[in-house]
Amino acid sequence: MLVLLPPSEGKATGGTGPALEIAGLALPALGRARESVLDELVELCSGDEEKAAEVLGLSPGLRGEVAKNAGLRTAGTRPAGEIYTGVLYDALGLATLAGPARRAAGRSLLVFSGLWGAVRVDDAIPSYRCSMGVKLPGLGALAAHWRAPMAEALPEAAGDGLVLDLRSAAYASAWKPKGSLAERTATVRVLQSKVVDGVEKRSVVSHFNKATKGRLVRELLTTGSAPATPAELADALRDLGYTVEGAAPAGAGRPWALDVVVTEV
């Protein structure tokens, strides 16, 4: 099983590992594209701070991120699983996984990124700021920049197994599975159910969405669950106590879309 995760906007700082080695990151087919983004991002952030902040969409309180990006090539690193923080990653709790569950996380989790394309949670990277929605002056829209290299790297990473796609829309635009791989892919939407005046109403709430996705991935890892198809994934989540709705897609070459319905996080 390959699990595709979004990154977090906020990231841990203070890496004490050696400086970045792009050649040492997983998915080496992304290496050239990573170098291109890194070169332009460092150059952009080493120049006019106002221009860099505008391109990166940074508020005045985040201007320090520009200087951080300028020093990416020499900054200390940490495992990507420690860099990414926030609701989803708090619920996932990588730091508290051990034994088979932690090894499974290293094999199966893939975090998408505007800067790196995608990384494994054990890849050593510096803290950075560069979302997939950024348009760099030279490379243009990052989602478009990543599509060709992702089309080469991701099918190989997925192999013949299930792909559980938990990415947000911006990151999903950088790679879409096709053909038989799409048929082995399941997307998950988390809906909060509330009863208002005796009528059930459902809505997508960011906190519930992120926390539930982190929690369900953790439970799949800790229980050793290994679904091979979207249908088996739905059954596995139901066995874990989740309310799961969804059915096979209407046509060939399309992913499954599963709804996980929650009342509280």
C-alpha atoms as a PDB file:
ATOM      1  CA  MET A   1       0.000   0.000   0.000  1.00  0.00           C
ATOM      2  CA  LEU A   2       1.235   3.475  -0.924  1.00  0.00           C
ATOM      3  CA  VAL A   3      -0.271   6.361   1.067  1.00  0.00           C
ATOM      4  CA  LEU A   4      -0.115   9.834  -0.489  1.00  0.00           C
ATOM      5  CA  LEU A   5      -0.175  12.671   2.057  1.00  0.00           C
ATOM      6  CA  PRO A   6      -0.214  16.453   1.770  1.00  0.00           C
ATOM      7  CA  PRO A   7       2.532  18.360   3.580  1.00  0.00           C
ATOM      8  CA  SER A   8       1.849  20.874   6.342  1.00  0.00           C
ATOM      9  CA  GLU A   9       2.191  24.623   5.901  1.00  0.00           C
ATOM     10  CA  GLY A  10       3.903  24.887   9.282  1.00  0.00           C
ATOM     11  CA  LYS A  11       7.155  22.974   9.634  1.00  0.00           C
ATOM     12  CA  ALA A  12       9.521  22.153  12.455  1.00  0.00           C
ATOM     13  CA  THR A  13      12.852  23.976  12.480  1.00  0.00           C
ATOM     14  CA  GLY A  14      16.231  23.325  14.038  1.00  0.00           C
ATOM     15  CA  GLY A  15      17.522  20.472  11.925  1.00  0.00           C
ATOM     16  CA  THR A  16      20.792  19.028  13.238  1.00  0.00           C
ATOM     17  CA  GLY A  17      21.470  16.561  10.451  1.00  0.00           C
ATOM     18  CA  PRO A  18      23.959  17.090   7.619  1.00  0.00           C
ATOM     19  CA  ALA A  19      23.190  19.430   4.748  1.00  0.00           C
ATOM     20  CA  LEU A  20      20.771  18.345   2.052  1.00  0.00           C
ATOM     21  CA  GLU A  21      21.817  15.661  -0.431  1.00  0.00           C
ATOM     22  CA  ILE A  22      19.223  15.542  -3.179  1.00  0.00           C
ATOM     23  CA  ALA A  23      20.774  12.372  -4.581  1.00  0.00           C
ATOM     24  CA  GLY A  24      19.978  10.640  -1.295  1.00  0.00           C
ATOM     25  CA  LEU A  25      16.233  11.294  -1.407  1.00  0.00           C
ATOM     26  CA  ALA A  26      13.742   8.608  -2.374  1.00  0.00           C
ATOM     27  CA  LEU A  27      12.286   8.601  -5.890  1.00  0.00           C
ATOM     28  CA  PRO A  28      15.547   9.503  -7.663  1.00  0.00           C
ATOM     29  CA  ALA A  29      13.663  10.061 -10.935  1.00  0.00           C
ATOM     30  CA  LEU A  30      12.566  13.375  -9.406  1.00  0.00           C
ATOM     31  CA  GLY A  31      16.159  14.514  -8.875  1.00  0.00           C
ATOM     32  CA  ARG A  32      16.524  16.875 -11.832  1.00  0.00           C
ATOM     33  CA  ALA A  33      13.145  18.501 -11.196  1.00  0.00           C
ATOM     34  CA  ARG A  34      14.050  18.938  -7.516  1.00  0.00           C
ATOM     35  CA  GLU A  35      17.318  20.640  -8.425  1.00  0.00           C
ATOM     36  CA  SER A  36      15.474  23.038 -10.745  1.00  0.00           C
ATOM     37  CA  VAL A  37      12.992  24.122  -8.071  1.00  0.00           C
ATOM     38  CA  LEU A  38      15.666  24.350  -5.378  1.00  0.00           C
ATOM     39  CA  ASP A  39      17.968  26.463  -7.559  1.00  0.00           C
ATOM     40  CA  GLU A  40      15.248  28.948  -8.421  1.00  0.00           C
ATOM     41  CA  LEU A  41      13.813  29.106  -4.907  1.00  0.00           C
ATOM     42  CA  VAL A  42      17.222  29.784  -3.340  1.00  0.00           C
ATOM     43  CA  GLU A  43      18.005  32.423  -5.970  1.00  0.00           C
ATOM     44  CA  LEU A  44      14.613  34.098  -5.515  1.00  0.00           C
ATOM     45  CA  CYS A  45      14.949  34.210  -1.736  1.00  0.00           C
ATOM     46  CA  SER A  46      18.544  35.433  -1.852  1.00  0.00           C
ATOM     47  CA  GLY A  47      17.449  38.606  -3.676  1.00  0.00           C
ATOM     48  CA  ASP A  48      14.578  41.038  -3.154  1.00  0.00           C
ATOM     49  CA  GLU A  49      12.728  39.995   0.005  1.00  0.00           C
ATOM     50  CA  GLU A  50       9.510  41.768  -0.990  1.00  0.00           C
ATOM     51  CA  LYS A  51       9.403  40.032  -4.356  1.00  0.00           C
ATOM     52  CA  ALA A  52      10.145  36.639  -2.784  1.00  0.00           C
ATOM     53  CA  ALA A  53       7.426  37.100  -0.171  1.00  0.00           C
ATOM     54  CA  GLU A  54       4.930  38.069  -2.861  1.00  0.00           C
ATOM     55  CA  VAL A  55       5.765  35.057  -5.033  1.00  0.00           C
ATOM     56  CA  LEU A  56       5.523  32.691  -2.063  1.00  0.00           C
ATOM     57  CA  GLY A  57       2.336  34.282  -0.734  1.00  0.00           C
ATOM     58  CA  LEU A  58       3.835  35.120   2.652  1.00  0.00           C
ATOM     59  CA  SER A  59       2.188  37.449   5.127  1.00  0.00           C
ATOM     60  CA  PRO A  60       4.335  40.047   6.950  1.00  0.00           C
ATOM     61  CA  GLY A  61       4.612  37.727   9.940  1.00  0.00           C
ATOM     62  CA  LEU A  62       6.207  35.033   7.789  1.00  0.00           C
ATOM     63  CA  ARG A  63       8.925  37.110   6.129  1.00  0.00           C
ATOM     64  CA  GLY A  64      11.542  35.111   8.033  1.00  0.00           C
ATOM     65  CA  GLU A  65      10.715  32.185   5.749  1.00  0.00           C
ATOM     66  CA  VAL A  66      12.450  34.011   2.903  1.00  0.00           C
ATOM     67  CA  ALA A  67      15.828  33.926   4.669  1.00  0.00           C
ATOM     68  CA  LYS A  68      15.214  30.286   5.610  1.00  0.00           C
ATOM     69  CA  ASN A  69      14.715  29.381   1.951  1.00  0.00           C
ATOM     70  CA  ALA A  70      17.837  31.289   0.933  1.00  0.00           C
ATOM     71  CA  GLY A  71      19.924  28.988   3.113  1.00  0.00           C
ATOM     72  CA  LEU A  72      18.379  25.669   2.100  1.00  0.00           C
ATOM     73  CA  ARG A  73      21.538  24.176   0.611  1.00  0.00           C
ATOM     74  CA  THR A  74      23.551  24.530   3.844  1.00  0.00           C
ATOM     75  CA  ALA A  75      20.801  24.243   6.473  1.00  0.00           C
ATOM     76  CA  GLY A  76      20.646  21.300   8.860  1.00  0.00           C
ATOM     77  CA  THR A  77      18.195  18.546   8.023  1.00  0.00           C
ATOM     78  CA  ARG A  78      15.701  16.329   9.845  1.00  0.00           C
ATOM     79  CA  PRO A  79      13.666  13.337   8.686  1.00  0.00           C
ATOM     80  CA  ALA A  80      10.678  14.585   6.696  1.00  0.00           C
ATOM     81  CA  GLY A  81       8.380  12.872   9.189  1.00  0.00           C
ATOM     82  CA  GLU A  82       9.710  15.268  11.836  1.00  0.00           C
ATOM     83  CA  ILE A  83       9.634  18.348   9.587  1.00  0.00           C
ATOM     84  CA  TYR A  84       5.911  18.192   8.830  1.00  0.00           C
ATOM     85  CA  THR A  85       3.634  19.238  11.695  1.00  0.00           C
ATOM     86  CA  GLY A  86      -0.013  20.193  12.104  1.00  0.00           C
ATOM     87  CA  VAL A  87      -3.323  18.449  12.666  1.00  0.00           C
ATOM     88  CA  LEU A  88      -2.863  15.477  10.324  1.00  0.00           C
ATOM     89  CA  TYR A  89       0.672  14.751  11.499  1.00  0.00           C
ATOM     90  CA  ASP A  90      -0.251  15.187  15.170  1.00  0.00           C
ATOM     91  CA  ALA A  91      -2.968  12.560  14.728  1.00  0.00           C
ATOM     92  CA  LEU A  92      -0.625  10.291  12.781  1.00  0.00           C
ATOM     93  CA  GLY A  93       1.955  10.477  15.584  1.00  0.00           C
ATOM     94  CA  LEU A  94       4.955   9.128  13.682  1.00  0.00           C
ATOM     95  CA  ALA A  95       7.264   9.701  16.651  1.00  0.00           C
ATOM     96  CA  THR A  96       5.277   7.254  18.767  1.00  0.00           C
ATOM     97  CA  LEU A  97       5.178   4.461  16.192  1.00  0.00           C
ATOM     98  CA  ALA A  98       7.578   1.596  16.787  1.00  0.00           C
ATOM     99  CA  GLY A  99       8.592  -1.760  15.376  1.00  0.00           C
ATOM    100  CA  PRO A 100       6.616  -3.052  12.381  1.00  0.00           C
ATOM    101  CA  ALA A 101       4.312  -0.019  12.320  1.00  0.00           C
ATOM    102  CA  ARG A 102       7.232   2.425  12.056  1.00  0.00           C
ATOM    103  CA  ARG A 103       8.913   0.353   9.361  1.00  0.00           C
ATOM    104  CA  ALA A 104       5.635   0.196   7.437  1.00  0.00           C
ATOM    105  CA  ALA A 105       5.367   3.997   7.664  1.00  0.00           C
ATOM    106  CA  GLY A 106       8.819   4.341   6.123  1.00  0.00           C
ATOM    107  CA  ARG A 107       7.838   2.078   3.241  1.00  0.00           C
ATOM    108  CA  SER A 108       4.333   3.265   2.540  1.00  0.00           C
ATOM    109  CA  LEU A 109       3.994   6.977   3.346  1.00  0.00           C
ATOM    110  CA  LEU A 110       4.800   9.522   0.648  1.00  0.00           C
ATOM    111  CA  VAL A 111       4.464  13.250   1.393  1.00  0.00           C
ATOM    112  CA  PHE A 112       3.884  15.557  -1.572  1.00  0.00           C
ATOM    113  CA  SER A 113       5.729  18.880  -1.695  1.00  0.00           C
ATOM    114  CA  GLY A 114       6.012  21.930  -3.917  1.00  0.00           C
ATOM    115  CA  LEU A 115       9.798  21.866  -3.468  1.00  0.00           C
ATOM    116  CA  TRP A 116      10.675  18.156  -3.430  1.00  0.00           C
ATOM    117  CA  GLY A 117       7.826  16.695  -5.477  1.00  0.00           C
ATOM    118  CA  ALA A 118       7.355  13.894  -2.970  1.00  0.00           C
ATOM    119  CA  VAL A 119       9.494  12.453  -0.167  1.00  0.00           C
ATOM    120  CA  ARG A 120       9.472   9.461   2.146  1.00  0.00           C
ATOM    121  CA  VAL A 121       9.101  10.225   5.848  1.00  0.00           C
ATOM    122  CA  ASP A 122      12.686   9.085   6.480  1.00  0.00           C
ATOM    123  CA  ASP A 123      14.208  11.380   3.835  1.00  0.00           C
ATOM    124  CA  ALA A 124      16.476  14.027   5.372  1.00  0.00           C
ATOM    125  CA  ILE A 125      15.339  17.525   4.338  1.00  0.00           C
ATOM    126  CA  PRO A 126      15.674  21.057   5.731  1.00  0.00           C
ATOM    127  CA  SER A 127      12.696  23.105   6.865  1.00  0.00           C
ATOM    128  CA  TYR A 128      11.358  25.218   3.968  1.00  0.00           C
ATOM    129  CA  ARG A 129       8.396  27.212   2.696  1.00  0.00           C
ATOM    130  CA  CYS A 130       7.116  26.555  -0.817  1.00  0.00           C
ATOM    131  CA  SER A 131       3.594  25.334  -1.467  1.00  0.00           C
ATOM    132  CA  MET A 132       2.423  23.551  -4.594  1.00  0.00           C
ATOM    133  CA  GLY A 133       0.326  26.602  -5.511  1.00  0.00           C
ATOM    134  CA  VAL A 134       3.426  28.776  -6.021  1.00  0.00           C
ATOM    135  CA  LYS A 135       4.350  30.079  -9.482  1.00  0.00           C
ATOM    136  CA  LEU A 136       8.090  30.667  -9.675  1.00  0.00           C
ATOM    137  CA  PRO A 137       9.212  33.367 -12.149  1.00  0.00           C
ATOM    138  CA  GLY A 138      11.276  30.972 -14.251  1.00  0.00           C
ATOM    139  CA  LEU A 139       9.616  27.568 -13.839  1.00  0.00           C
ATOM    140  CA  GLY A 140       6.032  28.759 -13.606  1.00  0.00           C
ATOM    141  CA  ALA A 141       3.320  26.830 -11.751  1.00  0.00           C
ATOM    142  CA  LEU A 142       4.895  24.105  -9.641  1.00  0.00           C
ATOM    143  CA  ALA A 143       2.019  21.653 -10.071  1.00  0.00           C
ATOM    144  CA  ALA A 144       2.602  21.734 -13.839  1.00  0.00           C
ATOM    145  CA  HIS A 145       6.380  21.471 -13.344  1.00  0.00           C
ATOM    146  CA  TRP A 146       5.968  18.222 -11.414  1.00  0.00           C
ATOM    147  CA  ARG A 147       3.521  16.409 -13.680  1.00  0.00           C
ATOM    148  CA  ALA A 148       5.991  14.860 -16.128  1.00  0.00           C
ATOM    149  CA  PRO A 149       8.561  13.639 -13.568  1.00  0.00           C
ATOM    150  CA  MET A 150       5.768  12.411 -11.291  1.00  0.00           C
ATOM    151  CA  ALA A 151       4.257  10.446 -14.181  1.00  0.00           C
ATOM    152  CA  GLU A 152       7.574   8.599 -14.392  1.00  0.00           C
ATOM    153  CA  ALA A 153       8.257   8.092 -10.676  1.00  0.00           C
ATOM    154  CA  LEU A 154       4.893   7.427  -9.065  1.00  0.00           C
ATOM    155  CA  PRO A 155       3.733   4.312 -10.974  1.00  0.00           C
ATOM    156  CA  GLU A 156       7.016   2.623 -10.062  1.00  0.00           C
ATOM    157  CA  ALA A 157       6.623   3.621  -6.413  1.00  0.00           C
ATOM    158  CA  ALA A 158       3.054   2.307  -6.365  1.00  0.00           C
ATOM    159  CA  GLY A 159       3.947  -1.044  -7.896  1.00  0.00           C
ATOM    160  CA  ASP A 160       0.995  -3.420  -8.089  1.00  0.00           C
ATOM    161  CA  GLY A 161      -0.557  -2.411  -4.768  1.00  0.00           C
ATOM    162  CA  LEU A 162      -3.261  -0.139  -3.447  1.00  0.00           C
ATOM    163  CA  VAL A 163      -2.807   3.639  -3.519  1.00  0.00           C
ATOM    164  CA  LEU A 164      -4.558   5.514  -0.711  1.00  0.00           C
ATOM    165  CA  ASP A 165      -4.718   9.140  -1.845  1.00  0.00           C
ATOM    166  CA  LEU A 166      -5.234  11.591   1.020  1.00  0.00           C
ATOM    167  CA  ARG A 167      -3.817  14.667  -0.720  1.00  0.00           C
ATOM    168  CA  SER A 168      -5.512  18.051  -0.804  1.00  0.00           C
ATOM    169  CA  ALA A 169      -6.582  19.420  -4.188  1.00  0.00           C
ATOM    170  CA  ALA A 170      -3.469  21.534  -4.815  1.00  0.00           C
ATOM    171  CA  TYR A 171      -1.162  18.550  -4.380  1.00  0.00           C
ATOM    172  CA  ALA A 172      -3.442  16.128  -6.201  1.00  0.00           C
ATOM    173  CA  SER A 173      -3.100  18.343  -9.283  1.00  0.00           C
ATOM    174  CA  ALA A 174       0.611  17.466  -9.545  1.00  0.00           C
ATOM    175  CA  TRP A 175      -0.115  13.805 -10.308  1.00  0.00           C
ATOM    176  CA  LYS A 176      -3.223  11.846 -11.198  1.00  0.00           C
ATOM    177  CA  PRO A 177      -3.104   8.052 -11.515  1.00  0.00           C
ATOM    178  CA  LYS A 178      -4.221   6.606 -14.816  1.00  0.00           C
ATOM    179  CA  GLY A 179      -5.442   3.311 -16.206  1.00  0.00           C
ATOM    180  CA  SER A 180      -5.209   0.247 -14.010  1.00  0.00           C
ATOM    181  CA  LEU A 181      -3.343   2.227 -11.348  1.00  0.00           C
ATOM    182  CA  ALA A 182      -6.319   4.569 -11.030  1.00  0.00           C
ATOM    183  CA  GLU A 183      -8.543   1.548 -10.482  1.00  0.00           C
ATOM    184  CA  ARG A 184      -6.303   0.572  -7.548  1.00  0.00           C
ATOM    185  CA  THR A 185      -6.496   4.076  -6.072  1.00  0.00           C
ATOM    186  CA  ALA A 186      -8.908   5.226  -3.386  1.00  0.00           C
ATOM    187  CA  THR A 187      -9.477   8.828  -2.368  1.00  0.00           C
ATOM    188  CA  VAL A 188     -10.991   9.548   1.029  1.00  0.00           C
ATOM    189  CA  ARG A 189     -13.236  12.432   1.999  1.00  0.00           C
ATOM    190  CA  VAL A 190     -14.103  12.966   5.658  1.00  0.00           C
ATOM    191  CA  LEU A 191     -17.592  14.264   6.389  1.00  0.00           C
ATOM    192  CA  GLN A 192     -18.833  15.501   9.735  1.00  0.00           C
ATOM    193  CA  SER A 193     -22.396  14.415  10.500  1.00  0.00           C
ATOM    194  CA  LYS A 194     -24.626  16.615  12.669  1.00  0.00           C
ATOM    195  CA  VAL A 195     -28.312  16.344  13.445  1.00  0.00           C
ATOM    196  CA  VAL A 196     -29.986  19.728  13.193  1.00  0.00           C
ATOM    197  CA  ASP A 197     -33.698  19.951  14.035  1.00  0.00           C
ATOM    198  CA  GLY A 198     -33.980  16.209  13.594  1.00  0.00           C
ATOM    199  CA  VAL A 199     -32.317  16.228  10.160  1.00  0.00           C
ATOM    200  CA  GLU A 200     -28.827  14.866   9.497  1.00  0.00           C
ATOM    201  CA  LYS A 201     -26.517  17.332   7.791  1.00  0.00           C
ATOM    202  CA  ARG A 202     -23.053  16.542   6.505  1.00  0.00           C
ATOM    203  CA  SER A 203     -20.202  18.897   5.792  1.00  0.00           C
ATOM    204  CA  VAL A 204     -16.468  18.892   5.174  1.00  0.00           C
ATOM    205  CA  VAL A 205     -14.671  20.502   8.120  1.00  0.00           C
ATOM    206  CA  SER A 206     -10.929  21.022   7.799  1.00  0.00           C
ATOM    207  CA  HIS A 207     -10.006  19.945  11.330  1.00  0.00           C
ATOM    208  CA  PHE A 208     -12.104  16.769  11.203  1.00  0.00           C
ATOM    209  CA  ASN A 209     -10.795  15.992   7.739  1.00  0.00           C
ATOM    210  CA  LYS A 210      -7.108  16.275   8.634  1.00  0.00           C
ATOM    211  CA  ALA A 211      -7.285  14.668  12.059  1.00  0.00           C
ATOM    212  CA  THR A 212      -9.358  11.726  10.869  1.00  0.00           C
ATOM    213  CA  LYS A 213      -7.039  11.066   7.939  1.00  0.00           C
ATOM    214  CA  GLY A 214      -4.036  11.059  10.262  1.00  0.00           C
ATOM    215  CA  ARG A 215      -5.770   8.774  12.714  1.00  0.00           C
ATOM    216  CA  LEU A 216      -6.970   6.246  10.151  1.00  0.00           C
ATOM    217  CA  VAL A 217      -3.491   5.972   8.606  1.00  0.00           C
ATOM    218  CA  ARG A 218      -2.034   5.392  12.058  1.00  0.00           C
ATOM    219  CA  GLU A 219      -4.573   2.641  12.767  1.00  0.00           C
ATOM    220  CA  LEU A 220      -3.899   0.924   9.450  1.00  0.00           C
ATOM    221  CA  LEU A 221      -0.177   0.948  10.297  1.00  0.00           C
ATOM    222  CA  THR A 222      -0.479  -0.200  13.910  1.00  0.00           C
ATOM    223  CA  THR A 223      -2.889  -3.020  13.116  1.00  0.00           C
ATOM    224  CA  GLY A 224      -0.736  -4.283  10.266  1.00  0.00           C
ATOM    225  CA  SER A 225      -3.636  -3.960   7.859  1.00  0.00           C
ATOM    226  CA  ALA A 226      -2.593  -4.538   4.256  1.00  0.00           C
ATOM    227  CA  PRO A 227      -5.568  -3.999   1.925  1.00  0.00           C
ATOM    228  CA  ALA A 228      -4.712  -4.687  -1.691  1.00  0.00           C
ATOM    229  CA  THR A 229      -7.752  -3.072  -3.324  1.00  0.00           C
ATOM    230  CA  PRO A 230     -10.077  -0.140  -2.603  1.00  0.00           C
ATOM    231  CA  ALA A 231     -12.834  -2.590  -1.643  1.00  0.00           C
ATOM    232  CA  GLU A 232     -10.525  -4.255   0.877  1.00  0.00           C
ATOM    233  CA  LEU A 233      -9.579  -0.816   2.211  1.00  0.00           C
ATOM    234  CA  ALA A 234     -13.233   0.038   2.819  1.00  0.00           C
ATOM    235  CA  ASP A 235     -13.672  -3.245   4.682  1.00  0.00           C
ATOM    236  CA  ALA A 236     -10.508  -2.663   6.719  1.00  0.00           C
ATOM    237  CA  LEU A 237     -11.685   0.786   7.783  1.00  0.00           C
ATOM    238  CA  ARG A 238     -15.084  -0.589   8.760  1.00  0.00           C
ATOM    239  CA  ASP A 239     -13.317  -3.256  10.837  1.00  0.00           C
ATOM    240  CA  LEU A 240     -11.527  -0.413  12.626  1.00  0.00           C
ATOM    241  CA  GLY A 241     -14.877   1.123  13.514  1.00  0.00           C
ATOM    242  CA  TYR A 242     -15.229   3.776  10.818  1.00  0.00           C
ATOM    243  CA  THR A 243     -18.435   4.483   8.958  1.00  0.00           C
ATOM    244  CA  VAL A 244     -17.440   4.201   5.304  1.00  0.00           C
ATOM    245  CA  GLU A 245     -19.608   4.897   2.300  1.00  0.00           C
ATOM    246  CA  GLY A 246     -18.765   4.650  -1.369  1.00  0.00           C
ATOM    247  CA  ALA A 247     -18.857   2.295  -4.266  1.00  0.00           C
ATOM    248  CA  ALA A 248     -16.851   1.253  -7.275  1.00  0.00           C
ATOM    249  CA  PRO A 249     -16.386   4.024  -9.857  1.00  0.00           C
ATOM    250  CA  ALA A 250     -18.797   4.279 -12.737  1.00  0.00           C
ATOM    251  CA  GLY A 251     -16.192   3.536 -15.397  1.00  0.00           C
ATOM    252  CA  ALA A 252     -12.834   1.908 -15.995  1.00  0.00           C
ATOM    253  CA  GLY A 253      -9.667   3.822 -15.297  1.00  0.00           C
ATOM    254  CA  ARG A 254     -11.119   5.839 -12.440  1.00  0.00           C
ATOM    255  CA  PRO A 255     -10.271   5.848  -8.722  1.00  0.00           C
ATOM    256  CA  TRP A 256     -12.682   4.898  -5.977  1.00  0.00           C
ATOM    257  CA  ALA A 257     -14.065   7.717  -3.835  1.00  0.00           C
ATOM    258  CA  LEU A 258     -14.744   6.743  -0.224  1.00  0.00           C
ATOM    259  CA  ASP A 259     -16.525   8.883   2.360  1.00  0.00           C
ATOM    260  CA  VAL A 260     -15.641   8.441   6.017  1.00  0.00           C
ATOM    261  CA  VAL A 261     -18.460   9.850   8.160  1.00  0.00           C
ATOM    262  CA  VAL A 262     -17.624  11.059  11.676  1.00  0.00           C
ATOM    263  CA  THR A 263     -19.568  12.798  14.431  1.00  0.00           C
ATOM    264  CA  GLU A 264     -16.543  13.812  16.511  1.00  0.00           C
ATOM    265  CA  VAL A 265     -12.767  13.706  16.095  1.00  0.00           C
END
